[in-house]
Amino acid sequence: MNDEPKIVDTTPVIIELEPGTHAWCACGHSGNHPFCDGSHADSGITPVIFEIDEKSKVALCACKKTSGAPYCDGSHASI
């Protein structure tokens, strides 16, 4: 695996998350996408840890091109 993230999809993952700490997969190799499962080992890429204060519906990036990780910023439109 190299340090280039794998594009998982060209649309965001819309999901309702419970409050707490979450780890977003930044490498694109997780079997539990959009969450990290440790597949990034030796890739040079680390997950993005983020906090949700209250139950919320969010759009998590699946193309791995966002500048606002872990959230979708519409970058998938240019892929």
C-alpha atoms as a PDB file:
ATOM      1  CA  MET A   1       0.000   0.000   0.000  1.00  0.00           C
ATOM      2  CA  ASN A   2       1.303   3.498  -0.739  1.00  0.00           C
ATOM      3  CA  ASP A   3       0.459   6.917   0.659  1.00  0.00           C
ATOM      4  CA  GLU A   4      -2.230   7.695  -1.949  1.00  0.00           C
ATOM      5  CA  PRO A   5      -5.761   7.147  -0.619  1.00  0.00           C
ATOM      6  CA  LYS A   6      -8.074   4.807  -2.502  1.00  0.00           C
ATOM      7  CA  ILE A   7     -11.299   6.359  -3.810  1.00  0.00           C
ATOM      8  CA  VAL A   8     -14.118   4.323  -2.271  1.00  0.00           C
ATOM      9  CA  ASP A   9     -17.027   6.102  -3.960  1.00  0.00           C
ATOM     10  CA  THR A  10     -17.834   9.350  -5.746  1.00  0.00           C
ATOM     11  CA  THR A  11     -20.709  10.203  -3.434  1.00  0.00           C
ATOM     12  CA  PRO A  12     -20.531  10.884   0.304  1.00  0.00           C
ATOM     13  CA  VAL A  13     -21.626   8.457   2.986  1.00  0.00           C
ATOM     14  CA  ILE A  14     -24.691  10.003   4.637  1.00  0.00           C
ATOM     15  CA  ILE A  15     -24.970   8.570   8.136  1.00  0.00           C
ATOM     16  CA  GLU A  16     -26.501   9.396  11.500  1.00  0.00           C
ATOM     17  CA  LEU A  17     -23.854   9.243  14.200  1.00  0.00           C
ATOM     18  CA  GLU A  18     -24.194   8.970  17.940  1.00  0.00           C
ATOM     19  CA  PRO A  19     -22.262  11.380  20.170  1.00  0.00           C
ATOM     20  CA  GLY A  20     -18.684  10.382  20.789  1.00  0.00           C
ATOM     21  CA  THR A  21     -15.289  10.007  19.180  1.00  0.00           C
ATOM     22  CA  HIS A  22     -15.091   8.473  15.718  1.00  0.00           C
ATOM     23  CA  ALA A  23     -12.180   7.532  13.422  1.00  0.00           C
ATOM     24  CA  TRP A  24     -12.744   8.233   9.718  1.00  0.00           C
ATOM     25  CA  CYS A  25     -10.828   6.062   7.259  1.00  0.00           C
ATOM     26  CA  ALA A  26      -8.495   8.330   5.305  1.00  0.00           C
ATOM     27  CA  CYS A  27      -6.746   5.586   3.308  1.00  0.00           C
ATOM     28  CA  GLY A  28      -9.827   4.055   1.641  1.00  0.00           C
ATOM     29  CA  HIS A  29      -8.830   0.470   2.436  1.00  0.00           C
ATOM     30  CA  SER A  30     -11.004  -0.131   5.513  1.00  0.00           C
ATOM     31  CA  GLY A  31     -13.449  -3.004   5.408  1.00  0.00           C
ATOM     32  CA  ASN A  32     -15.609  -0.913   7.726  1.00  0.00           C
ATOM     33  CA  HIS A  33     -15.714   2.232   5.573  1.00  0.00           C
ATOM     34  CA  PRO A  34     -16.214   5.096   6.331  1.00  0.00           C
ATOM     35  CA  PHE A  35     -14.643   4.168   9.655  1.00  0.00           C
ATOM     36  CA  CYS A  36     -11.078   3.051  10.270  1.00  0.00           C
ATOM     37  CA  ASP A  37     -10.348  -0.629  10.864  1.00  0.00           C
ATOM     38  CA  GLY A  38      -6.550  -0.349  10.967  1.00  0.00           C
ATOM     39  CA  SER A  39      -6.007  -1.176   7.285  1.00  0.00           C
ATOM     40  CA  HIS A  40      -3.858   1.952   6.935  1.00  0.00           C
ATOM     41  CA  ALA A  41      -0.895   0.285   8.678  1.00  0.00           C
ATOM     42  CA  ASP A  42       2.284   0.943   6.663  1.00  0.00           C
ATOM     43  CA  SER A  43       0.428   3.221   4.245  1.00  0.00           C
ATOM     44  CA  GLY A  44       1.729   6.562   5.506  1.00  0.00           C
ATOM     45  CA  ILE A  45      -1.897   7.637   6.018  1.00  0.00           C
ATOM     46  CA  THR A  46      -3.581   7.959   9.394  1.00  0.00           C
ATOM     47  CA  PRO A  47      -7.287   8.108  10.222  1.00  0.00           C
ATOM     48  CA  VAL A  48      -9.003  11.378  11.087  1.00  0.00           C
ATOM     49  CA  ILE A  49     -10.307  11.365  14.644  1.00  0.00           C
ATOM     50  CA  PHE A  50     -13.390  13.536  15.100  1.00  0.00           C
ATOM     51  CA  GLU A  51     -15.920  14.242  17.821  1.00  0.00           C
ATOM     52  CA  ILE A  52     -19.714  14.437  17.574  1.00  0.00           C
ATOM     53  CA  ASP A  53     -21.362  16.315  20.457  1.00  0.00           C
ATOM     54  CA  GLU A  54     -24.948  15.295  19.756  1.00  0.00           C
ATOM     55  CA  LYS A  55     -26.667  12.744  17.523  1.00  0.00           C
ATOM     56  CA  SER A  56     -26.242  14.157  14.017  1.00  0.00           C
ATOM     57  CA  LYS A  57     -26.687  13.246  10.367  1.00  0.00           C
ATOM     58  CA  VAL A  58     -23.405  13.894   8.564  1.00  0.00           C
ATOM     59  CA  ALA A  59     -21.971  13.481   5.065  1.00  0.00           C
ATOM     60  CA  LEU A  60     -18.589  11.753   5.291  1.00  0.00           C
ATOM     61  CA  CYS A  61     -16.210  11.903   2.341  1.00  0.00           C
ATOM     62  CA  ALA A  62     -15.778   8.670   0.365  1.00  0.00           C
ATOM     63  CA  CYS A  63     -13.604  10.023  -2.470  1.00  0.00           C
ATOM     64  CA  LYS A  64     -10.804  10.984  -0.041  1.00  0.00           C
ATOM     65  CA  LYS A  65     -10.245  14.312  -1.860  1.00  0.00           C
ATOM     66  CA  THR A  66     -12.045  16.593   0.620  1.00  0.00           C
ATOM     67  CA  SER A  67     -10.200  19.538   2.136  1.00  0.00           C
ATOM     68  CA  GLY A  68     -12.489  19.338   5.186  1.00  0.00           C
ATOM     69  CA  ALA A  69     -11.892  15.759   6.330  1.00  0.00           C
ATOM     70  CA  PRO A  70     -13.816  13.814   7.394  1.00  0.00           C
ATOM     71  CA  TYR A  71     -16.713  15.754   5.924  1.00  0.00           C
ATOM     72  CA  CYS A  72     -17.657  15.904   2.249  1.00  0.00           C
ATOM     73  CA  ASP A  73     -16.914  19.256   0.620  1.00  0.00           C
ATOM     74  CA  GLY A  74     -18.125  18.341  -2.884  1.00  0.00           C
ATOM     75  CA  SER A  75     -14.651  17.445  -4.220  1.00  0.00           C
ATOM     76  CA  HIS A  76     -16.093  14.233  -5.674  1.00  0.00           C
ATOM     77  CA  ALA A  77     -17.770  16.330  -8.377  1.00  0.00           C
ATOM     78  CA  SER A  78     -14.362  16.889 -10.027  1.00  0.00           C
ATOM     79  CA  ILE A  79     -13.343  13.228 -10.166  1.00  0.00           C
END
